Amino acid sequence: MELIEILDEYSKGRRDFSGINLSEASLVGANLSGIILDEADLNGANLSYANLSNARLHHADLNGADLTNANLRGADLQDAILDGAILHGAVLDNTNLSHSEMALADITEASLNEADLSQADLRAANLEHADLSGANLSIADLSQANLQAAELNQANLSGTNLEKANTEGTILDEGSP
């Protein structure tokens, strides 16, 4: 299915595009709220400024995808692969990223309020100036991650691996376990 056909089908009300191949596709600024892209191939896709709020992307491959300033509020990306993805300035509030792979991802200045990142792989990810207030980072791997000036108020850090992570200037209140 061609990209133009997908957007046309979406505009007609279709939401389930599970398993579709959109690798390297340009979806800059696309409104795909509520779309279902389970197991979709979005490797290297450009989704900057896209609206993916309340979307479902279980097991989706977003390796190296550009999600700069994308809206993923309330989305479900459980078990998604986002290694090396660019999420700079993205809104990921209340997003399920549990068990996701986000090694080497650029998550700078992103908003992840109340996000579920439990058991996520965030090795060497850049979370500088990210807002992780109330986020669940239990059993997440943040080894070698850059958390400089990140906000972790009320975040759950139980069992989180922070080995060799840069936590300089990190904002952490006493309520975070």
N, C-alpha and C. Protein backbone atom coordinates (compact mmCIF):
# COMPACT_ATOMS: atom_id res chain seq x y z
N MET A 1 0.85 -1.17 0.00
CA MET A 1 0.00 0.00 0.00
C MET A 1 0.90 1.24 0.00
N GLU A 2 0.63 2.17 -0.87
CA GLU A 2 1.40 3.40 -0.98
C GLU A 2 1.01 4.36 0.14
N LEU A 3 1.93 5.26 0.47
CA LEU A 3 1.70 6.22 1.54
C LEU A 3 0.44 7.05 1.32
N ILE A 4 0.21 7.49 0.11
CA ILE A 4 -0.98 8.30 -0.20
C ILE A 4 -2.26 7.51 0.05
N GLU A 5 -2.22 6.21 -0.24
CA GLU A 5 -3.38 5.34 0.00
C GLU A 5 -3.64 5.18 1.50
N ILE A 6 -2.56 5.06 2.26
CA ILE A 6 -2.68 4.92 3.71
C ILE A 6 -3.34 6.16 4.30
N LEU A 7 -2.85 7.33 3.91
CA LEU A 7 -3.42 8.57 4.42
C LEU A 7 -4.87 8.74 3.99
N ASP A 8 -5.19 8.29 2.78
CA ASP A 8 -6.57 8.36 2.29
C ASP A 8 -7.47 7.43 3.11
N GLU A 9 -7.01 6.19 3.34
CA GLU A 9 -7.77 5.23 4.14
C GLU A 9 -7.97 5.75 5.57
N TYR A 10 -6.92 6.36 6.13
CA TYR A 10 -7.02 6.93 7.47
C TYR A 10 -8.08 8.03 7.50
N SER A 11 -8.08 8.89 6.49
CA SER A 11 -9.06 9.99 6.45
C SER A 11 -10.49 9.47 6.32
N LYS A 12 -10.64 8.25 5.80
CA LYS A 12 -11.97 7.64 5.66
C LYS A 12 -12.39 6.87 6.91
N GLY A 13 -11.53 6.86 7.94
CA GLY A 13 -11.90 6.24 9.20
C GLY A 13 -11.16 4.97 9.55
N ARG A 14 -10.40 4.42 8.63
CA ARG A 14 -9.64 3.21 8.97
C ARG A 14 -8.54 3.59 9.95
N ARG A 15 -8.32 2.76 10.97
CA ARG A 15 -7.29 3.05 11.96
C ARG A 15 -6.25 1.94 12.08
N ASP A 16 -6.58 0.71 11.73
CA ASP A 16 -5.65 -0.40 11.93
C ASP A 16 -4.79 -0.64 10.69
N PHE A 17 -3.51 -0.32 10.84
CA PHE A 17 -2.53 -0.53 9.78
C PHE A 17 -1.39 -1.41 10.31
N SER A 18 -1.73 -2.37 11.14
CA SER A 18 -0.73 -3.25 11.75
C SER A 18 0.10 -3.94 10.69
N GLY A 19 1.40 -4.05 10.97
CA GLY A 19 2.31 -4.78 10.10
C GLY A 19 2.73 -4.05 8.83
N ILE A 20 2.29 -2.84 8.64
CA ILE A 20 2.58 -2.10 7.40
C ILE A 20 4.04 -1.66 7.36
N ASN A 21 4.59 -1.55 6.16
CA ASN A 21 5.96 -1.09 5.98
C ASN A 21 5.96 0.38 5.58
N LEU A 22 6.41 1.22 6.50
CA LEU A 22 6.54 2.65 6.24
C LEU A 22 7.98 3.11 6.50
N SER A 23 8.93 2.20 6.30
CA SER A 23 10.32 2.56 6.54
C SER A 23 10.72 3.69 5.61
N GLU A 24 11.43 4.65 6.18
CA GLU A 24 11.92 5.84 5.46
C GLU A 24 10.79 6.75 4.96
N ALA A 25 9.55 6.51 5.34
CA ALA A 25 8.42 7.34 4.88
C ALA A 25 8.49 8.73 5.52
N SER A 26 8.00 9.72 4.80
CA SER A 26 7.91 11.08 5.33
C SER A 26 6.47 11.37 5.72
N LEU A 27 6.25 11.47 7.02
CA LEU A 27 4.92 11.75 7.57
C LEU A 27 4.99 13.01 8.44
N VAL A 28 5.79 13.97 8.01
CA VAL A 28 5.99 15.21 8.75
C VAL A 28 4.65 15.92 8.95
N GLY A 29 4.31 16.19 10.21
CA GLY A 29 3.10 16.92 10.54
C GLY A 29 1.80 16.17 10.31
N ALA A 30 1.87 14.88 10.02
CA ALA A 30 0.65 14.10 9.75
C ALA A 30 -0.19 13.95 11.02
N ASN A 31 -1.51 14.01 10.87
CA ASN A 31 -2.42 13.77 11.98
C ASN A 31 -2.86 12.31 11.93
N LEU A 32 -2.25 11.50 12.81
CA LEU A 32 -2.53 10.07 12.85
C LEU A 32 -3.01 9.67 14.24
N SER A 33 -3.75 10.53 14.88
CA SER A 33 -4.25 10.28 16.22
C SER A 33 -5.08 9.00 16.24
N GLY A 34 -4.77 8.13 17.20
CA GLY A 34 -5.53 6.90 17.36
C GLY A 34 -5.19 5.79 16.38
N ILE A 35 -4.19 5.98 15.55
CA ILE A 35 -3.82 4.96 14.56
C ILE A 35 -3.24 3.73 15.26
N ILE A 36 -3.42 2.56 14.67
CA ILE A 36 -2.86 1.32 15.19
C ILE A 36 -1.78 0.86 14.21
N LEU A 37 -0.54 0.84 14.71
CA LEU A 37 0.60 0.46 13.88
C LEU A 37 1.40 -0.65 14.57
N ASP A 38 0.69 -1.62 15.14
CA ASP A 38 1.36 -2.74 15.80
C ASP A 38 2.25 -3.46 14.79
N GLU A 39 3.49 -3.75 15.22
CA GLU A 39 4.46 -4.48 14.41
C GLU A 39 4.75 -3.82 13.07
N ALA A 40 4.48 -2.52 12.97
CA ALA A 40 4.76 -1.79 11.73
C ALA A 40 6.25 -1.49 11.62
N ASP A 41 6.74 -1.38 10.39
CA ASP A 41 8.13 -1.01 10.13
C ASP A 41 8.18 0.48 9.81
N LEU A 42 8.64 1.26 10.79
CA LEU A 42 8.79 2.70 10.63
C LEU A 42 10.27 3.08 10.77
N ASN A 43 11.12 2.13 10.45
CA ASN A 43 12.56 2.31 10.54
C ASN A 43 12.98 3.52 9.70
N GLY A 44 13.59 4.53 10.35
CA GLY A 44 14.07 5.70 9.63
C GLY A 44 12.99 6.64 9.14
N ALA A 45 11.74 6.43 9.53
CA ALA A 45 10.64 7.30 9.07
C ALA A 45 10.76 8.69 9.70
N ASN A 46 10.27 9.69 8.99
CA ASN A 46 10.26 11.06 9.51
C ASN A 46 8.84 11.38 9.97
N LEU A 47 8.65 11.38 11.28
CA LEU A 47 7.36 11.66 11.90
C LEU A 47 7.44 12.94 12.73
N SER A 48 8.36 13.82 12.38
CA SER A 48 8.49 15.05 13.15
C SER A 48 7.20 15.87 13.03
N TYR A 49 6.83 16.45 14.15
CA TYR A 49 5.61 17.27 14.28
C TYR A 49 4.32 16.48 14.01
N ALA A 50 4.39 15.17 13.92
CA ALA A 50 3.19 14.36 13.68
C ALA A 50 2.36 14.25 14.96
N ASN A 51 1.06 14.07 14.80
CA ASN A 51 0.16 13.84 15.92
C ASN A 51 -0.14 12.35 15.98
N LEU A 52 0.49 11.68 16.94
CA LEU A 52 0.28 10.25 17.17
C LEU A 52 -0.34 10.04 18.55
N SER A 53 -1.09 11.01 19.02
CA SER A 53 -1.71 10.88 20.34
C SER A 53 -2.67 9.69 20.34
N ASN A 54 -2.63 8.95 21.43
CA ASN A 54 -3.47 7.77 21.62
C ASN A 54 -3.28 6.70 20.55
N ALA A 55 -2.15 6.73 19.86
CA ALA A 55 -1.84 5.70 18.87
C ALA A 55 -1.35 4.44 19.58
N ARG A 56 -1.41 3.31 18.88
CA ARG A 56 -0.89 2.05 19.42
C ARG A 56 0.17 1.52 18.47
N LEU A 57 1.38 1.33 19.01
CA LEU A 57 2.50 0.87 18.20
C LEU A 57 3.23 -0.28 18.91
N HIS A 58 2.49 -1.30 19.33
CA HIS A 58 3.12 -2.44 20.00
C HIS A 58 4.12 -3.10 19.06
N HIS A 59 5.31 -3.36 19.56
CA HIS A 59 6.36 -4.06 18.81
C HIS A 59 6.73 -3.35 17.50
N ALA A 60 6.40 -2.08 17.35
CA ALA A 60 6.73 -1.35 16.12
C ALA A 60 8.23 -1.08 16.06
N ASP A 61 8.78 -1.08 14.86
CA ASP A 61 10.20 -0.79 14.64
C ASP A 61 10.35 0.67 14.23
N LEU A 62 10.83 1.48 15.17
CA LEU A 62 11.05 2.91 14.93
C LEU A 62 12.54 3.23 15.05
N ASN A 63 13.38 2.24 14.73
CA ASN A 63 14.82 2.44 14.77
C ASN A 63 15.20 3.66 13.95
N GLY A 64 15.89 4.61 14.57
CA GLY A 64 16.36 5.78 13.84
C GLY A 64 15.28 6.70 13.32
N ALA A 65 14.05 6.52 13.75
CA ALA A 65 12.95 7.39 13.28
C ALA A 65 13.10 8.79 13.87
N ASP A 66 12.63 9.78 13.14
CA ASP A 66 12.66 11.17 13.61
C ASP A 66 11.27 11.55 14.10
N LEU A 67 11.15 11.70 15.41
CA LEU A 67 9.89 12.08 16.05
C LEU A 67 10.04 13.43 16.75
N THR A 68 10.88 14.29 16.20
CA THR A 68 11.10 15.62 16.77
C THR A 68 9.78 16.36 16.92
N ASN A 69 9.52 16.84 18.13
CA ASN A 69 8.31 17.61 18.44
C ASN A 69 7.00 16.90 18.09
N ALA A 70 7.03 15.58 18.02
CA ALA A 70 5.81 14.82 17.76
C ALA A 70 4.94 14.76 19.02
N ASN A 71 3.64 14.62 18.83
CA ASN A 71 2.70 14.46 19.94
C ASN A 71 2.34 12.99 20.06
N LEU A 72 2.86 12.36 21.13
CA LEU A 72 2.58 10.95 21.39
C LEU A 72 1.83 10.80 22.72
N ARG A 73 1.16 11.84 23.14
CA ARG A 73 0.44 11.82 24.42
C ARG A 73 -0.55 10.65 24.45
N GLY A 74 -0.43 9.83 25.50
CA GLY A 74 -1.36 8.72 25.69
C GLY A 74 -1.16 7.56 24.73
N ALA A 75 -0.07 7.57 23.97
CA ALA A 75 0.18 6.48 23.01
C ALA A 75 0.69 5.24 23.74
N ASP A 76 0.56 4.09 23.09
CA ASP A 76 1.02 2.82 23.65
C ASP A 76 2.10 2.25 22.74
N LEU A 77 3.35 2.36 23.21
CA LEU A 77 4.51 1.87 22.45
C LEU A 77 5.19 0.73 23.19
N GLN A 78 4.40 -0.09 23.86
CA GLN A 78 4.96 -1.22 24.60
C GLN A 78 5.76 -2.11 23.67
N ASP A 79 6.97 -2.46 24.10
CA ASP A 79 7.87 -3.35 23.34
C ASP A 79 8.32 -2.76 22.00
N ALA A 80 8.16 -1.46 21.81
CA ALA A 80 8.59 -0.83 20.55
C ALA A 80 10.12 -0.69 20.52
N ILE A 81 10.67 -0.65 19.33
CA ILE A 81 12.11 -0.48 19.14
C ILE A 81 12.35 0.95 18.66
N LEU A 82 13.00 1.74 19.50
CA LEU A 82 13.27 3.14 19.20
C LEU A 82 14.77 3.44 19.34
N ASP A 83 15.60 2.43 19.12
CA ASP A 83 17.04 2.64 19.23
C ASP A 83 17.48 3.73 18.26
N GLY A 84 18.21 4.71 18.78
CA GLY A 84 18.71 5.79 17.94
C GLY A 84 17.66 6.74 17.42
N ALA A 85 16.44 6.64 17.90
CA ALA A 85 15.36 7.52 17.44
C ALA A 85 15.57 8.94 17.98
N ILE A 86 15.04 9.91 17.27
CA ILE A 86 15.11 11.31 17.70
C ILE A 86 13.73 11.72 18.20
N LEU A 87 13.67 11.98 19.51
CA LEU A 87 12.42 12.38 20.15
C LEU A 87 12.57 13.75 20.80
N HIS A 88 13.45 14.57 20.26
CA HIS A 88 13.72 15.89 20.82
C HIS A 88 12.43 16.72 20.87
N GLY A 89 12.09 17.20 22.06
CA GLY A 89 10.92 18.05 22.22
C GLY A 89 9.58 17.35 22.06
N ALA A 90 9.60 16.04 21.96
CA ALA A 90 8.35 15.29 21.79
C ALA A 90 7.53 15.29 23.08
N VAL A 91 6.21 15.18 22.93
CA VAL A 91 5.30 15.09 24.07
C VAL A 91 4.90 13.63 24.21
N LEU A 92 5.36 13.02 25.32
CA LEU A 92 5.10 11.61 25.58
C LEU A 92 4.41 11.44 26.93
N ASP A 93 3.64 12.42 27.34
CA ASP A 93 2.94 12.35 28.61
C ASP A 93 1.95 11.19 28.60
N ASN A 94 1.93 10.43 29.72
CA ASN A 94 1.01 9.29 29.87
C ASN A 94 1.18 8.24 28.78
N THR A 95 2.38 8.15 28.24
CA THR A 95 2.66 7.17 27.19
C THR A 95 3.20 5.88 27.79
N ASN A 96 2.79 4.74 27.25
CA ASN A 96 3.30 3.45 27.69
C ASN A 96 4.50 3.08 26.82
N LEU A 97 5.69 3.14 27.42
CA LEU A 97 6.93 2.75 26.75
C LEU A 97 7.58 1.58 27.48
N SER A 98 6.77 0.83 28.22
CA SER A 98 7.33 -0.28 28.99
C SER A 98 7.94 -1.32 28.05
N HIS A 99 9.06 -1.85 28.49
CA HIS A 99 9.80 -2.88 27.74
C HIS A 99 10.31 -2.38 26.38
N SER A 100 10.27 -1.09 26.14
CA SER A 100 10.73 -0.57 24.84
C SER A 100 12.26 -0.49 24.82
N GLU A 101 12.80 -0.50 23.61
CA GLU A 101 14.24 -0.37 23.40
C GLU A 101 14.51 1.03 22.88
N MET A 102 15.23 1.83 23.69
CA MET A 102 15.49 3.22 23.34
C MET A 102 16.97 3.57 23.50
N ALA A 103 17.83 2.59 23.33
CA ALA A 103 19.27 2.84 23.47
C ALA A 103 19.71 3.89 22.47
N LEU A 104 20.55 4.80 22.94
CA LEU A 104 21.13 5.87 22.11
C LEU A 104 20.09 6.84 21.54
N ALA A 105 18.87 6.82 22.05
CA ALA A 105 17.83 7.73 21.56
C ALA A 105 18.08 9.15 22.05
N ASP A 106 17.71 10.13 21.24
CA ASP A 106 17.78 11.54 21.62
C ASP A 106 16.40 11.95 22.14
N ILE A 107 16.30 12.07 23.46
CA ILE A 107 15.02 12.38 24.10
C ILE A 107 15.15 13.73 24.82
N THR A 108 16.03 14.58 24.32
CA THR A 108 16.29 15.87 24.95
C THR A 108 15.05 16.76 24.90
N GLU A 109 14.83 17.45 26.02
CA GLU A 109 13.74 18.42 26.14
C GLU A 109 12.36 17.83 25.87
N ALA A 110 12.24 16.52 25.98
CA ALA A 110 10.94 15.86 25.78
C ALA A 110 10.15 15.88 27.08
N SER A 111 8.84 15.80 26.97
CA SER A 111 7.95 15.74 28.12
C SER A 111 7.43 14.32 28.27
N LEU A 112 7.80 13.68 29.39
CA LEU A 112 7.39 12.30 29.66
C LEU A 112 6.67 12.21 31.00
N ASN A 113 5.83 13.20 31.31
CA ASN A 113 5.09 13.20 32.57
C ASN A 113 4.21 11.96 32.66
N GLU A 114 4.33 11.25 33.79
CA GLU A 114 3.51 10.07 34.07
C GLU A 114 3.69 8.96 33.03
N ALA A 115 4.77 8.99 32.27
CA ALA A 115 5.02 7.94 31.27
C ALA A 115 5.46 6.65 31.96
N ASP A 116 5.12 5.51 31.37
CA ASP A 116 5.53 4.21 31.88
C ASP A 116 6.74 3.74 31.07
N LEU A 117 7.91 3.81 31.70
CA LEU A 117 9.16 3.37 31.08
C LEU A 117 9.72 2.17 31.84
N SER A 118 8.84 1.44 32.53
CA SER A 118 9.31 0.31 33.32
C SER A 118 9.95 -0.73 32.41
N GLN A 119 11.10 -1.21 32.85
CA GLN A 119 11.89 -2.22 32.14
C GLN A 119 12.31 -1.78 30.73
N ALA A 120 12.34 -0.48 30.49
CA ALA A 120 12.78 0.03 29.19
C ALA A 120 14.31 0.04 29.13
N ASP A 121 14.84 -0.13 27.94
CA ASP A 121 16.28 -0.07 27.70
C ASP A 121 16.62 1.33 27.19
N LEU A 122 17.18 2.14 28.07
CA LEU A 122 17.54 3.52 27.74
C LEU A 122 19.06 3.71 27.84
N ARG A 123 19.82 2.66 27.57
CA ARG A 123 21.28 2.75 27.67
C ARG A 123 21.81 3.83 26.74
N ALA A 124 22.62 4.72 27.33
CA ALA A 124 23.29 5.80 26.59
C ALA A 124 22.31 6.74 25.89
N ALA A 125 21.06 6.75 26.32
CA ALA A 125 20.08 7.69 25.75
C ALA A 125 20.37 9.09 26.29
N ASN A 126 20.02 10.10 25.51
CA ASN A 126 20.21 11.48 25.93
C ASN A 126 18.87 12.05 26.38
N LEU A 127 18.74 12.24 27.69
CA LEU A 127 17.50 12.75 28.29
C LEU A 127 17.74 14.13 28.92
N GLU A 128 18.72 14.85 28.40
CA GLU A 128 19.05 16.16 28.94
C GLU A 128 17.83 17.09 28.86
N HIS A 129 17.53 17.72 29.99
CA HIS A 129 16.40 18.66 30.12
C HIS A 129 15.04 18.00 29.85
N ALA A 130 14.96 16.68 29.90
CA ALA A 130 13.66 16.00 29.74
C ALA A 130 12.87 16.10 31.05
N ASP A 131 11.56 16.14 30.94
CA ASP A 131 10.69 16.18 32.11
C ASP A 131 10.07 14.81 32.30
N LEU A 132 10.57 14.10 33.33
CA LEU A 132 10.11 12.75 33.64
C LEU A 132 9.33 12.74 34.95
N SER A 133 8.68 13.83 35.27
CA SER A 133 7.93 13.93 36.52
C SER A 133 6.84 12.86 36.58
N GLY A 134 6.86 12.10 37.66
CA GLY A 134 5.86 11.06 37.86
C GLY A 134 6.02 9.85 36.96
N ALA A 135 7.11 9.78 36.22
CA ALA A 135 7.33 8.65 35.31
C ALA A 135 7.68 7.39 36.08
N ASN A 136 7.32 6.24 35.53
CA ASN A 136 7.67 4.95 36.11
C ASN A 136 8.90 4.43 35.37
N LEU A 137 10.05 4.49 36.05
CA LEU A 137 11.31 4.02 35.48
C LEU A 137 11.80 2.77 36.21
N SER A 138 10.89 2.07 36.87
CA SER A 138 11.29 0.90 37.64
C SER A 138 11.91 -0.16 36.73
N ILE A 139 13.02 -0.67 37.19
CA ILE A 139 13.79 -1.72 36.51
C ILE A 139 14.23 -1.31 35.10
N ALA A 140 14.25 -0.01 34.82
CA ALA A 140 14.73 0.47 33.52
C ALA A 140 16.26 0.51 33.53
N ASP A 141 16.86 0.38 32.36
CA ASP A 141 18.32 0.46 32.23
C ASP A 141 18.69 1.83 31.68
N LEU A 142 19.20 2.68 32.56
CA LEU A 142 19.65 4.02 32.18
C LEU A 142 21.17 4.13 32.29
N SER A 143 21.85 2.99 32.19
CA SER A 143 23.31 3.04 32.29
C SER A 143 23.88 3.89 31.15
N GLN A 144 24.82 4.74 31.51
CA GLN A 144 25.49 5.65 30.59
C GLN A 144 24.56 6.67 29.94
N ALA A 145 23.35 6.81 30.46
CA ALA A 145 22.41 7.80 29.91
C ALA A 145 22.79 9.19 30.40
N ASN A 146 22.42 10.19 29.63
CA ASN A 146 22.63 11.58 30.01
C ASN A 146 21.32 12.12 30.58
N LEU A 147 21.30 12.32 31.89
CA LEU A 147 20.12 12.85 32.58
C LEU A 147 20.39 14.26 33.09
N GLN A 148 21.36 14.94 32.49
CA GLN A 148 21.73 16.27 32.95
C GLN A 148 20.53 17.21 32.90
N ALA A 149 20.24 17.82 34.05
CA ALA A 149 19.14 18.78 34.21
C ALA A 149 17.77 18.18 33.89
N ALA A 150 17.65 16.87 33.92
CA ALA A 150 16.35 16.23 33.73
C ALA A 150 15.53 16.37 35.01
N GLU A 151 14.23 16.43 34.87
CA GLU A 151 13.34 16.56 36.02
C GLU A 151 12.72 15.20 36.33
N LEU A 152 12.98 14.71 37.56
CA LEU A 152 12.51 13.38 37.96
C LEU A 152 11.64 13.45 39.21
N ASN A 153 10.94 14.55 39.42
CA ASN A 153 10.06 14.69 40.59
C ASN A 153 9.01 13.58 40.59
N GLN A 154 8.88 12.90 41.72
CA GLN A 154 7.89 11.84 41.91
C GLN A 154 8.07 10.66 40.95
N ALA A 155 9.23 10.55 40.33
CA ALA A 155 9.49 9.41 39.43
C ALA A 155 9.79 8.16 40.25
N ASN A 156 9.37 7.01 39.74
CA ASN A 156 9.66 5.73 40.38
C ASN A 156 10.96 5.19 39.80
N LEU A 157 12.01 5.17 40.63
CA LEU A 157 13.32 4.70 40.19
C LEU A 157 13.70 3.37 40.84
N SER A 158 12.72 2.62 41.34
CA SER A 158 12.98 1.35 42.00
C SER A 158 13.66 0.37 41.04
N GLY A 159 14.84 -0.09 41.43
CA GLY A 159 15.55 -1.08 40.62
C GLY A 159 16.13 -0.54 39.33
N THR A 160 16.14 0.78 39.16
CA THR A 160 16.66 1.39 37.93
C THR A 160 18.18 1.33 37.91
N ASN A 161 18.76 0.95 36.78
CA ASN A 161 20.21 0.92 36.62
C ASN A 161 20.68 2.28 36.14
N LEU A 162 21.40 3.00 37.01
CA LEU A 162 21.93 4.32 36.68
C LEU A 162 23.46 4.31 36.62
N GLU A 163 24.04 3.12 36.41
CA GLU A 163 25.49 3.00 36.37
C GLU A 163 26.09 3.88 35.27
N LYS A 164 27.03 4.72 35.67
CA LYS A 164 27.75 5.63 34.77
C LYS A 164 26.83 6.64 34.07
N ALA A 165 25.64 6.85 34.61
CA ALA A 165 24.73 7.87 34.04
C ALA A 165 25.17 9.25 34.50
N ASN A 166 24.99 10.24 33.66
CA ASN A 166 25.29 11.63 34.01
C ASN A 166 24.04 12.22 34.65
N THR A 167 24.09 12.44 35.96
CA THR A 167 22.94 12.97 36.68
C THR A 167 23.21 14.40 37.18
N GLU A 168 24.19 15.06 36.61
CA GLU A 168 24.53 16.43 37.03
C GLU A 168 23.33 17.36 36.82
N GLY A 169 22.94 18.02 37.89
CA GLY A 169 21.84 18.99 37.81
C GLY A 169 20.47 18.36 37.71
N THR A 170 20.38 17.05 37.88
CA THR A 170 19.09 16.37 37.82
C THR A 170 18.20 16.83 38.97
N ILE A 171 16.95 17.09 38.69
CA ILE A 171 16.00 17.55 39.70
C ILE A 171 15.26 16.33 40.22
N LEU A 172 15.51 16.02 41.50
CA LEU A 172 14.95 14.81 42.10
C LEU A 172 14.43 15.18 43.48
N ASP A 173 13.15 14.98 43.73
CA ASP A 173 12.61 15.31 45.04
C ASP A 173 12.72 14.11 45.96
N GLU A 174 12.41 14.32 47.23
CA GLU A 174 12.50 13.25 48.21
C GLU A 174 11.43 12.20 48.03
N GLY A 175 10.38 12.47 47.27
CA GLY A 175 9.28 11.52 47.09
C GLY A 175 9.58 10.43 46.08
N SER A 176 10.69 10.54 45.38
CA SER A 176 11.02 9.52 44.38
C SER A 176 11.70 8.35 45.05
N PRO A 177 11.15 7.13 44.88
CA PRO A 177 11.76 5.97 45.54
C PRO A 177 13.09 5.61 44.90
